[in-house]
Amino acid sequence: MPTNLPDVVLWSIPAFALLTVLEMALHHFHPDEDAAGYETKDTVTSISMGLGSLVFDLLWKVPIVAIYTAVYELTPLRVPVLWWTVPLMLLAQDFFYYWSHRGHHVIRILWACHVVHHSSRKFNLSTALRQPWTSLTVWPFYLPMIACGVHPAALAFCSSANLVYQFWVHTERIDKLPRPLEYVLNTPSHHRVHHASQGGYLDRNFGGILILWDRIFGSFTAETERPVFGLTKNIDTFNPLRVATHEYAAIARDVRSADSWSERAGRIFRGPGWQPAGRAVRTAAPERTG
């Protein structure tokens, strides 16, 4: 089974750093007045969140790998790692990534993890590094792949490749690509929509590598008006710990003040902007974004 698959994210870190510096230089020497650009505190926060995610992901890997390994040992199926199976595994991983990503937008306890990535009001390559510290909520979405015989190491490789692909789509410096690419792939134009906070852009364009999933499952929206980045209710902090935990704290406050068990369940498992009928909004917690 796979033992020599590369750590794609680790090998890509130098490229991430170089490309981010280049984009910062472009913004400085050739500014686009309409672009959100860079802000020092925001960039430092994004980089801090990315470095912190590397540490926390190592902790979460222990129980996740244990579960995946147990399921893999129980299933009689095996998918070999061959030149023609790897593209199929990448396709399957991208499909399940779509549903994981969509779920993390429409279920509040999952959104509490993913909101970190949307908390910046800027949109640049450093924003791609703004990763959550509580990614323990992601693993269940990929269990079908393990149950079908995909080795956990092969899944990790595919997930890393997907994450690395998404780095370059976090930019305003690239306009729309040729139509065939825009139709099939997740591009900067599509991902700007995903990070926007306008009503028509909310909860759209969840694809990782392929935008085809959004076209198939009805969640695609093309970029028309210029996006406004951030949350529908932004947080005014650059403290990485608060960025990582603010929505969990908001959920706890709402659960404590809930009037019934059904409301408590709704505060956790309904959408980020959900309110009981007749109840005014009582928290300043960020809601979902595009």
C-alpha atoms as a PDB file:
ATOM      1  CA  MET A   1       0.000   0.000   0.000  1.00  0.00           C
ATOM      2  CA  PRO A   2       1.113   3.634  -0.447  1.00  0.00           C
ATOM      3  CA  THR A   3       4.042   4.541   1.747  1.00  0.00           C
ATOM      4  CA  ASN A   4       5.929   6.993  -0.484  1.00  0.00           C
ATOM      5  CA  LEU A   5       3.198   9.458  -1.465  1.00  0.00           C
ATOM      6  CA  PRO A   6       4.538  13.007  -1.057  1.00  0.00           C
ATOM      7  CA  ASP A   7       3.222  15.529   1.451  1.00  0.00           C
ATOM      8  CA  VAL A   8       1.956  17.950  -1.182  1.00  0.00           C
ATOM      9  CA  VAL A   9       1.191  20.769   1.258  1.00  0.00           C
ATOM     10  CA  LEU A  10       4.618  20.618   2.915  1.00  0.00           C
ATOM     11  CA  TRP A  11       6.424  20.669  -0.421  1.00  0.00           C
ATOM     12  CA  SER A  12       4.279  23.589  -1.582  1.00  0.00           C
ATOM     13  CA  ILE A  13       5.014  25.928   1.347  1.00  0.00           C
ATOM     14  CA  PRO A  14       8.001  27.622  -0.378  1.00  0.00           C
ATOM     15  CA  ALA A  15       5.850  28.266  -3.452  1.00  0.00           C
ATOM     16  CA  PHE A  16       3.052  29.642  -1.238  1.00  0.00           C
ATOM     17  CA  ALA A  17       5.494  32.066   0.378  1.00  0.00           C
ATOM     18  CA  LEU A  18       7.078  33.172  -2.906  1.00  0.00           C
ATOM     19  CA  LEU A  19       3.769  33.724  -4.703  1.00  0.00           C
ATOM     20  CA  THR A  20       2.330  35.652  -1.761  1.00  0.00           C
ATOM     21  CA  VAL A  21       5.351  37.966  -1.689  1.00  0.00           C
ATOM     22  CA  LEU A  22       5.069  38.481  -5.453  1.00  0.00           C
ATOM     23  CA  GLU A  23       1.391  39.351  -5.178  1.00  0.00           C
ATOM     24  CA  MET A  24       2.134  41.792  -2.343  1.00  0.00           C
ATOM     25  CA  ALA A  25       4.761  43.434  -4.562  1.00  0.00           C
ATOM     26  CA  LEU A  26       2.249  43.687  -7.414  1.00  0.00           C
ATOM     27  CA  HIS A  27      -0.278  45.360  -5.135  1.00  0.00           C
ATOM     28  CA  HIS A  28       2.413  47.787  -3.988  1.00  0.00           C
ATOM     29  CA  PHE A  29       3.957  48.715  -7.337  1.00  0.00           C
ATOM     30  CA  HIS A  30       0.910  48.227  -9.565  1.00  0.00           C
ATOM     31  CA  PRO A  31      -2.096  48.825  -7.308  1.00  0.00           C
ATOM     32  CA  ASP A  32      -5.645  48.102  -8.385  1.00  0.00           C
ATOM     33  CA  GLU A  33      -7.802  50.736  -6.723  1.00  0.00           C
ATOM     34  CA  ASP A  34     -10.825  48.429  -6.778  1.00  0.00           C
ATOM     35  CA  ALA A  35      -9.016  45.448  -5.235  1.00  0.00           C
ATOM     36  CA  ALA A  36      -9.147  44.717  -1.518  1.00  0.00           C
ATOM     37  CA  GLY A  37      -5.371  44.400  -1.459  1.00  0.00           C
ATOM     38  CA  TYR A  38      -3.295  43.627   1.620  1.00  0.00           C
ATOM     39  CA  GLU A  39      -3.297  44.910   5.190  1.00  0.00           C
ATOM     40  CA  THR A  40      -0.425  44.035   7.513  1.00  0.00           C
ATOM     41  CA  LYS A  41      -2.489  42.929  10.529  1.00  0.00           C
ATOM     42  CA  ASP A  42      -4.851  40.929   8.364  1.00  0.00           C
ATOM     43  CA  THR A  43      -1.997  39.178   6.555  1.00  0.00           C
ATOM     44  CA  VAL A  44      -0.211  38.355   9.803  1.00  0.00           C
ATOM     45  CA  THR A  45      -3.450  36.894  11.175  1.00  0.00           C
ATOM     46  CA  SER A  46      -3.948  34.748   8.070  1.00  0.00           C
ATOM     47  CA  ILE A  47      -0.391  33.423   8.231  1.00  0.00           C
ATOM     48  CA  SER A  48      -0.754  32.770  11.979  1.00  0.00           C
ATOM     49  CA  MET A  49      -3.963  30.830  11.366  1.00  0.00           C
ATOM     50  CA  GLY A  50      -2.206  28.770   8.690  1.00  0.00           C
ATOM     51  CA  LEU A  51       0.749  27.925  10.922  1.00  0.00           C
ATOM     52  CA  GLY A  52      -1.575  27.103  13.809  1.00  0.00           C
ATOM     53  CA  SER A  53      -3.629  24.796  11.595  1.00  0.00           C
ATOM     54  CA  LEU A  54      -0.515  22.739  10.833  1.00  0.00           C
ATOM     55  CA  VAL A  55      -0.045  22.128  14.566  1.00  0.00           C
ATOM     56  CA  PHE A  56      -3.681  21.367  15.347  1.00  0.00           C
ATOM     57  CA  ASP A  57      -4.087  19.160  12.282  1.00  0.00           C
ATOM     58  CA  LEU A  58      -1.334  16.939  13.661  1.00  0.00           C
ATOM     59  CA  LEU A  59      -3.405  16.483  16.849  1.00  0.00           C
ATOM     60  CA  TRP A  60      -6.631  15.757  14.967  1.00  0.00           C
ATOM     61  CA  LYS A  61      -4.857  13.212  12.749  1.00  0.00           C
ATOM     62  CA  VAL A  62      -4.474  10.791  15.654  1.00  0.00           C
ATOM     63  CA  PRO A  63      -8.180   9.903  16.127  1.00  0.00           C
ATOM     64  CA  ILE A  64      -8.979  10.403  12.429  1.00  0.00           C
ATOM     65  CA  VAL A  65      -6.271   8.023  11.244  1.00  0.00           C
ATOM     66  CA  ALA A  66      -7.389   5.505  13.876  1.00  0.00           C
ATOM     67  CA  ILE A  67     -10.982   5.587  12.585  1.00  0.00           C
ATOM     68  CA  TYR A  68      -9.972   5.484   8.928  1.00  0.00           C
ATOM     69  CA  THR A  69      -7.582   2.602   9.568  1.00  0.00           C
ATOM     70  CA  ALA A  70     -10.266   0.625  11.407  1.00  0.00           C
ATOM     71  CA  VAL A  71     -12.765   1.112   8.561  1.00  0.00           C
ATOM     72  CA  TYR A  72     -10.115   0.263   5.966  1.00  0.00           C
ATOM     73  CA  GLU A  73      -9.231  -2.969   7.745  1.00  0.00           C
ATOM     74  CA  LEU A  74     -12.895  -3.949   7.984  1.00  0.00           C
ATOM     75  CA  THR A  75     -13.738  -3.468   4.319  1.00  0.00           C
ATOM     76  CA  PRO A  76     -12.822  -6.286   1.901  1.00  0.00           C
ATOM     77  CA  LEU A  77     -12.414  -3.778  -0.943  1.00  0.00           C
ATOM     78  CA  ARG A  78      -9.039  -2.460  -2.080  1.00  0.00           C
ATOM     79  CA  VAL A  79      -8.219   0.308  -4.555  1.00  0.00           C
ATOM     80  CA  PRO A  80      -4.617   0.004  -5.736  1.00  0.00           C
ATOM     81  CA  VAL A  81      -2.521   3.131  -6.197  1.00  0.00           C
ATOM     82  CA  LEU A  82      -1.804   3.059  -9.926  1.00  0.00           C
ATOM     83  CA  TRP A  83      -1.350   5.681 -12.621  1.00  0.00           C
ATOM     84  CA  TRP A  84      -4.992   5.362 -13.677  1.00  0.00           C
ATOM     85  CA  THR A  85      -6.594   5.022 -10.229  1.00  0.00           C
ATOM     86  CA  VAL A  86      -5.030   8.177  -8.780  1.00  0.00           C
ATOM     87  CA  PRO A  87      -7.027  10.514 -11.091  1.00  0.00           C
ATOM     88  CA  LEU A  88     -10.199   8.613 -10.153  1.00  0.00           C
ATOM     89  CA  MET A  89      -9.407   8.993  -6.454  1.00  0.00           C
ATOM     90  CA  LEU A  90      -8.762  12.714  -6.976  1.00  0.00           C
ATOM     91  CA  LEU A  91     -12.143  12.993  -8.704  1.00  0.00           C
ATOM     92  CA  ALA A  92     -13.907  11.141  -5.880  1.00  0.00           C
ATOM     93  CA  GLN A  93     -12.168  13.224  -3.214  1.00  0.00           C
ATOM     94  CA  ASP A  94     -13.183  16.428  -5.011  1.00  0.00           C
ATOM     95  CA  PHE A  95     -16.793  15.213  -5.123  1.00  0.00           C
ATOM     96  CA  PHE A  96     -16.870  14.550  -1.382  1.00  0.00           C
ATOM     97  CA  TYR A  97     -15.006  17.808  -0.748  1.00  0.00           C
ATOM     98  CA  TYR A  98     -17.893  19.614  -2.451  1.00  0.00           C
ATOM     99  CA  TRP A  99     -20.391  18.099  -0.033  1.00  0.00           C
ATOM    100  CA  SER A 100     -18.134  18.674   2.971  1.00  0.00           C
ATOM    101  CA  HIS A 101     -17.677  22.292   1.979  1.00  0.00           C
ATOM    102  CA  ARG A 102     -21.384  22.777   1.362  1.00  0.00           C
ATOM    103  CA  GLY A 103     -22.231  21.140   4.681  1.00  0.00           C
ATOM    104  CA  HIS A 104     -19.810  23.442   6.483  1.00  0.00           C
ATOM    105  CA  HIS A 105     -21.786  26.414   5.155  1.00  0.00           C
ATOM    106  CA  VAL A 106     -25.313  25.273   5.996  1.00  0.00           C
ATOM    107  CA  ILE A 107     -24.886  23.556   9.391  1.00  0.00           C
ATOM    108  CA  ARG A 108     -23.904  26.003  12.087  1.00  0.00           C
ATOM    109  CA  ILE A 109     -21.669  23.758  14.201  1.00  0.00           C
ATOM    110  CA  LEU A 110     -19.718  22.952  11.032  1.00  0.00           C
ATOM    111  CA  TRP A 111     -19.745  26.597   9.976  1.00  0.00           C
ATOM    112  CA  ALA A 112     -18.080  27.411  13.309  1.00  0.00           C
ATOM    113  CA  CYS A 113     -15.031  25.609  11.927  1.00  0.00           C
ATOM    114  CA  HIS A 114     -15.148  26.976   8.382  1.00  0.00           C
ATOM    115  CA  VAL A 115     -16.044  30.589   9.239  1.00  0.00           C
ATOM    116  CA  VAL A 116     -12.360  31.141  10.027  1.00  0.00           C
ATOM    117  CA  HIS A 117     -11.495  30.925   6.341  1.00  0.00           C
ATOM    118  CA  HIS A 118     -14.100  33.576   5.470  1.00  0.00           C
ATOM    119  CA  SER A 119     -13.331  35.999   8.297  1.00  0.00           C
ATOM    120  CA  SER A 120     -10.968  38.249   6.331  1.00  0.00           C
ATOM    121  CA  ARG A 121     -12.304  41.288   4.507  1.00  0.00           C
ATOM    122  CA  LYS A 122      -9.387  40.954   2.104  1.00  0.00           C
ATOM    123  CA  PHE A 123      -9.050  38.476  -0.733  1.00  0.00           C
ATOM    124  CA  ASN A 124      -5.494  37.626  -1.650  1.00  0.00           C
ATOM    125  CA  LEU A 125      -3.120  34.672  -1.569  1.00  0.00           C
ATOM    126  CA  SER A 126      -2.574  35.078   2.177  1.00  0.00           C
ATOM    127  CA  THR A 127      -6.317  34.520   2.660  1.00  0.00           C
ATOM    128  CA  ALA A 128      -5.812  30.961   1.399  1.00  0.00           C
ATOM    129  CA  LEU A 129      -3.588  30.356   4.426  1.00  0.00           C
ATOM    130  CA  ARG A 130      -6.326  31.393   6.888  1.00  0.00           C
ATOM    131  CA  GLN A 131      -7.257  27.856   7.872  1.00  0.00           C
ATOM    132  CA  PRO A 132      -9.328  26.609  10.862  1.00  0.00           C
ATOM    133  CA  TRP A 133      -7.874  24.976  13.936  1.00  0.00           C
ATOM    134  CA  THR A 134     -10.893  22.694  14.492  1.00  0.00           C
ATOM    135  CA  SER A 135     -10.962  20.634  11.292  1.00  0.00           C
ATOM    136  CA  LEU A 136     -12.066  17.540  13.217  1.00  0.00           C
ATOM    137  CA  THR A 137     -15.506  18.064  11.645  1.00  0.00           C
ATOM    138  CA  VAL A 138     -14.332  17.207   8.116  1.00  0.00           C
ATOM    139  CA  TRP A 139     -13.403  13.511   8.298  1.00  0.00           C
ATOM    140  CA  PRO A 140     -16.906  11.899   8.207  1.00  0.00           C
ATOM    141  CA  PHE A 141     -17.510  13.156   4.666  1.00  0.00           C
ATOM    142  CA  TYR A 142     -14.696  10.971   3.312  1.00  0.00           C
ATOM    143  CA  LEU A 143     -15.634   7.720   5.030  1.00  0.00           C
ATOM    144  CA  PRO A 144     -17.292   6.384   1.838  1.00  0.00           C
ATOM    145  CA  MET A 145     -13.925   6.497   0.086  1.00  0.00           C
ATOM    146  CA  ILE A 146     -12.253   4.520   2.868  1.00  0.00           C
ATOM    147  CA  ALA A 147     -15.157   2.044   2.918  1.00  0.00           C
ATOM    148  CA  CYS A 148     -14.654   1.542  -0.826  1.00  0.00           C
ATOM    149  CA  GLY A 149     -11.048   0.527  -0.260  1.00  0.00           C
ATOM    150  CA  VAL A 150      -9.094   3.759  -0.689  1.00  0.00           C
ATOM    151  CA  HIS A 151      -6.059   3.672   1.601  1.00  0.00           C
ATOM    152  CA  PRO A 152      -6.020   6.506   4.211  1.00  0.00           C
ATOM    153  CA  ALA A 153      -2.624   7.644   2.910  1.00  0.00           C
ATOM    154  CA  ALA A 154      -4.004   7.888  -0.614  1.00  0.00           C
ATOM    155  CA  LEU A 155      -6.944   9.948   0.667  1.00  0.00           C
ATOM    156  CA  ALA A 156      -4.520  12.235   2.515  1.00  0.00           C
ATOM    157  CA  PHE A 157      -2.558  12.742  -0.708  1.00  0.00           C
ATOM    158  CA  CYS A 158      -5.726  13.610  -2.657  1.00  0.00           C
ATOM    159  CA  SER A 159      -6.910  16.012   0.060  1.00  0.00           C
ATOM    160  CA  SER A 160      -3.527  17.730   0.092  1.00  0.00           C
ATOM    161  CA  ALA A 161      -3.533  18.084  -3.691  1.00  0.00           C
ATOM    162  CA  ASN A 162      -7.014  19.613  -3.543  1.00  0.00           C
ATOM    163  CA  LEU A 163      -5.916  22.088  -0.868  1.00  0.00           C
ATOM    164  CA  VAL A 164      -2.816  23.087  -2.828  1.00  0.00           C
ATOM    165  CA  TYR A 165      -4.872  23.644  -5.992  1.00  0.00           C
ATOM    166  CA  GLN A 166      -7.137  26.059  -4.139  1.00  0.00           C
ATOM    167  CA  PHE A 167      -4.260  28.326  -3.120  1.00  0.00           C
ATOM    168  CA  TRP A 168      -4.039  30.134  -6.461  1.00  0.00           C
ATOM    169  CA  VAL A 169      -7.774  30.861  -6.727  1.00  0.00           C
ATOM    170  CA  HIS A 170      -7.548  33.303  -3.793  1.00  0.00           C
ATOM    171  CA  THR A 171      -6.590  36.357  -5.825  1.00  0.00           C
ATOM    172  CA  GLU A 172      -8.049  39.431  -7.459  1.00  0.00           C
ATOM    173  CA  ARG A 173      -5.091  39.769  -9.816  1.00  0.00           C
ATOM    174  CA  ILE A 174      -6.426  37.157 -12.247  1.00  0.00           C
ATOM    175  CA  ASP A 175      -9.554  38.018 -14.213  1.00  0.00           C
ATOM    176  CA  LYS A 176     -11.697  35.412 -15.941  1.00  0.00           C
ATOM    177  CA  LEU A 177      -9.942  32.599 -17.774  1.00  0.00           C
ATOM    178  CA  PRO A 178     -10.955  31.187 -21.194  1.00  0.00           C
ATOM    179  CA  ARG A 179     -14.536  29.947 -21.190  1.00  0.00           C
ATOM    180  CA  PRO A 180     -13.797  26.180 -21.294  1.00  0.00           C
ATOM    181  CA  LEU A 181     -11.632  26.474 -18.160  1.00  0.00           C
ATOM    182  CA  GLU A 182     -14.204  28.644 -16.404  1.00  0.00           C
ATOM    183  CA  TYR A 183     -16.866  26.057 -17.198  1.00  0.00           C
ATOM    184  CA  VAL A 184     -14.980  23.098 -15.717  1.00  0.00           C
ATOM    185  CA  LEU A 185     -12.567  24.377 -13.090  1.00  0.00           C
ATOM    186  CA  ASN A 186     -12.805  26.365  -9.893  1.00  0.00           C
ATOM    187  CA  THR A 187     -11.123  29.646 -10.834  1.00  0.00           C
ATOM    188  CA  PRO A 188     -10.339  32.944  -9.063  1.00  0.00           C
ATOM    189  CA  SER A 189     -13.527  34.424 -10.530  1.00  0.00           C
ATOM    190  CA  HIS A 190     -15.675  31.599  -9.149  1.00  0.00           C
ATOM    191  CA  HIS A 191     -13.935  31.658  -5.785  1.00  0.00           C
ATOM    192  CA  ARG A 192     -14.309  35.418  -5.411  1.00  0.00           C
ATOM    193  CA  VAL A 193     -18.047  34.781  -5.555  1.00  0.00           C
ATOM    194  CA  HIS A 194     -17.657  32.133  -2.861  1.00  0.00           C
ATOM    195  CA  HIS A 195     -15.918  34.578  -0.509  1.00  0.00           C
ATOM    196  CA  ALA A 196     -18.315  37.456  -1.150  1.00  0.00           C
ATOM    197  CA  SER A 197     -20.908  38.633   1.354  1.00  0.00           C
ATOM    198  CA  GLN A 198     -23.589  39.976  -1.005  1.00  0.00           C
ATOM    199  CA  GLY A 199     -26.926  38.211  -0.777  1.00  0.00           C
ATOM    200  CA  GLY A 200     -26.883  36.866  -4.331  1.00  0.00           C
ATOM    201  CA  TYR A 201     -23.437  35.370  -3.769  1.00  0.00           C
ATOM    202  CA  LEU A 202     -24.096  33.691  -0.424  1.00  0.00           C
ATOM    203  CA  ASP A 203     -23.488  29.944  -0.203  1.00  0.00           C
ATOM    204  CA  ARG A 204     -22.412  29.518  -3.807  1.00  0.00           C
ATOM    205  CA  ASN A 205     -19.501  27.890  -5.684  1.00  0.00           C
ATOM    206  CA  PHE A 206     -18.386  25.215  -3.201  1.00  0.00           C
ATOM    207  CA  GLY A 207     -16.178  23.294  -5.632  1.00  0.00           C
ATOM    208  CA  GLY A 208     -12.553  22.581  -4.778  1.00  0.00           C
ATOM    209  CA  ILE A 209     -10.860  21.743  -8.087  1.00  0.00           C
ATOM    210  CA  LEU A 210     -13.945  21.349 -10.292  1.00  0.00           C
ATOM    211  CA  ILE A 211     -16.783  23.857 -10.506  1.00  0.00           C
ATOM    212  CA  LEU A 212     -18.807  21.192 -12.346  1.00  0.00           C
ATOM    213  CA  TRP A 213     -20.252  19.947  -9.047  1.00  0.00           C
ATOM    214  CA  ASP A 214     -21.852  23.364  -8.465  1.00  0.00           C
ATOM    215  CA  ARG A 215     -23.261  23.380 -11.973  1.00  0.00           C
ATOM    216  CA  ILE A 216     -24.672  19.869 -11.475  1.00  0.00           C
ATOM    217  CA  PHE A 217     -26.130  20.430  -7.985  1.00  0.00           C
ATOM    218  CA  GLY A 218     -27.483  23.947  -8.500  1.00  0.00           C
ATOM    219  CA  SER A 219     -25.090  26.004  -6.363  1.00  0.00           C
ATOM    220  CA  PHE A 220     -23.232  27.842  -9.136  1.00  0.00           C
ATOM    221  CA  THR A 221     -23.271  31.608  -9.580  1.00  0.00           C
ATOM    222  CA  ALA A 222     -21.099  33.522 -12.035  1.00  0.00           C
ATOM    223  CA  GLU A 223     -19.220  36.665 -11.027  1.00  0.00           C
ATOM    224  CA  THR A 224     -21.067  39.744 -12.224  1.00  0.00           C
ATOM    225  CA  GLU A 225     -20.883  42.608  -9.714  1.00  0.00           C
ATOM    226  CA  ARG A 226     -17.640  43.136  -7.810  1.00  0.00           C
ATOM    227  CA  PRO A 227     -17.601  41.064  -4.610  1.00  0.00           C
ATOM    228  CA  VAL A 228     -17.505  42.540  -1.130  1.00  0.00           C
ATOM    229  CA  PHE A 229     -15.424  40.172   0.945  1.00  0.00           C
ATOM    230  CA  GLY A 230     -15.914  39.065   4.537  1.00  0.00           C
ATOM    231  CA  LEU A 231     -18.848  37.966   6.638  1.00  0.00           C
ATOM    232  CA  THR A 232     -22.385  39.260   6.664  1.00  0.00           C
ATOM    233  CA  LYS A 233     -21.526  40.336  10.234  1.00  0.00           C
ATOM    234  CA  ASN A 234     -17.820  40.912  10.395  1.00  0.00           C
ATOM    235  CA  ILE A 235     -15.653  40.396  13.465  1.00  0.00           C
ATOM    236  CA  ASP A 236     -13.352  43.239  14.488  1.00  0.00           C
ATOM    237  CA  THR A 237     -10.357  41.290  15.712  1.00  0.00           C
ATOM    238  CA  PHE A 238      -6.978  40.123  14.491  1.00  0.00           C
ATOM    239  CA  ASN A 239      -6.457  37.860  17.499  1.00  0.00           C
ATOM    240  CA  PRO A 240      -5.911  34.345  16.059  1.00  0.00           C
ATOM    241  CA  LEU A 241      -7.474  32.634  19.078  1.00  0.00           C
ATOM    242  CA  ARG A 242     -10.635  34.706  18.797  1.00  0.00           C
ATOM    243  CA  VAL A 243     -10.748  34.201  15.032  1.00  0.00           C
ATOM    244  CA  ALA A 244     -10.526  30.441  15.594  1.00  0.00           C
ATOM    245  CA  THR A 245     -13.198  30.239  18.304  1.00  0.00           C
ATOM    246  CA  HIS A 246     -15.591  33.188  17.997  1.00  0.00           C
ATOM    247  CA  GLU A 247     -18.455  31.261  16.402  1.00  0.00           C
ATOM    248  CA  TYR A 248     -18.232  28.440  18.948  1.00  0.00           C
ATOM    249  CA  ALA A 249     -18.562  31.091  21.662  1.00  0.00           C
ATOM    250  CA  ALA A 250     -21.568  32.584  19.881  1.00  0.00           C
ATOM    251  CA  ILE A 251     -23.210  29.158  19.647  1.00  0.00           C
ATOM    252  CA  ALA A 252     -22.639  28.610  23.376  1.00  0.00           C
ATOM    253  CA  ARG A 253     -24.277  31.962  24.182  1.00  0.00           C
ATOM    254  CA  ASP A 254     -27.273  31.194  21.986  1.00  0.00           C
ATOM    255  CA  VAL A 255     -27.706  27.703  23.450  1.00  0.00           C
ATOM    256  CA  ARG A 256     -27.571  29.073  27.003  1.00  0.00           C
ATOM    257  CA  SER A 257     -30.262  31.645  26.275  1.00  0.00           C
ATOM    258  CA  ALA A 258     -32.512  29.295  24.259  1.00  0.00           C
ATOM    259  CA  ASP A 259     -36.064  28.763  25.522  1.00  0.00           C
ATOM    260  CA  SER A 260     -36.475  25.116  24.516  1.00  0.00           C
ATOM    261  CA  TRP A 261     -34.562  22.013  23.516  1.00  0.00           C
ATOM    262  CA  SER A 262     -35.769  22.358  19.940  1.00  0.00           C
ATOM    263  CA  GLU A 263     -34.347  25.869  19.830  1.00  0.00           C
ATOM    264  CA  ARG A 264     -31.063  24.625  21.299  1.00  0.00           C
ATOM    265  CA  ALA A 265     -30.859  21.974  18.588  1.00  0.00           C
ATOM    266  CA  GLY A 266     -31.648  24.582  15.961  1.00  0.00           C
ATOM    267  CA  ARG A 267     -28.890  26.851  17.242  1.00  0.00           C
ATOM    268  CA  ILE A 268     -26.397  24.036  16.708  1.00  0.00           C
ATOM    269  CA  PHE A 269     -27.620  22.126  13.666  1.00  0.00           C
ATOM    270  CA  ARG A 270     -29.645  24.603  11.606  1.00  0.00           C
ATOM    271  CA  GLY A 271     -28.121  27.231   9.335  1.00  0.00           C
ATOM    272  CA  PRO A 272     -25.766  29.919  10.667  1.00  0.00           C
ATOM    273  CA  GLY A 273     -28.409  32.643  10.272  1.00  0.00           C
ATOM    274  CA  TRP A 274     -31.318  30.594  11.641  1.00  0.00           C
ATOM    275  CA  GLN A 275     -33.670  32.181  14.178  1.00  0.00           C
ATOM    276  CA  PRO A 276     -36.777  30.686  15.834  1.00  0.00           C
ATOM    277  CA  ALA A 277     -40.060  32.063  14.542  1.00  0.00           C
ATOM    278  CA  GLY A 278     -40.809  35.403  16.170  1.00  0.00           C
ATOM    279  CA  ARG A 279     -37.386  35.667  17.831  1.00  0.00           C
ATOM    280  CA  ALA A 280     -35.255  38.727  17.148  1.00  0.00           C
ATOM    281  CA  VAL A 281     -31.548  38.303  16.531  1.00  0.00           C
ATOM    282  CA  ARG A 282     -29.798  38.333  19.916  1.00  0.00           C
ATOM    283  CA  THR A 283     -26.157  37.812  19.041  1.00  0.00           C
ATOM    284  CA  ALA A 284     -23.610  39.682  17.024  1.00  0.00           C
ATOM    285  CA  ALA A 285     -22.104  36.417  15.827  1.00  0.00           C
ATOM    286  CA  PRO A 286     -21.041  36.292  12.200  1.00  0.00           C
ATOM    287  CA  GLU A 287     -23.475  34.616   9.879  1.00  0.00           C
ATOM    288  CA  ARG A 288     -22.644  32.618   6.792  1.00  0.00           C
ATOM    289  CA  THR A 289     -20.893  34.079   3.772  1.00  0.00           C
ATOM    290  CA  GLY A 290     -20.676  33.114   0.154  1.00  0.00           C
END
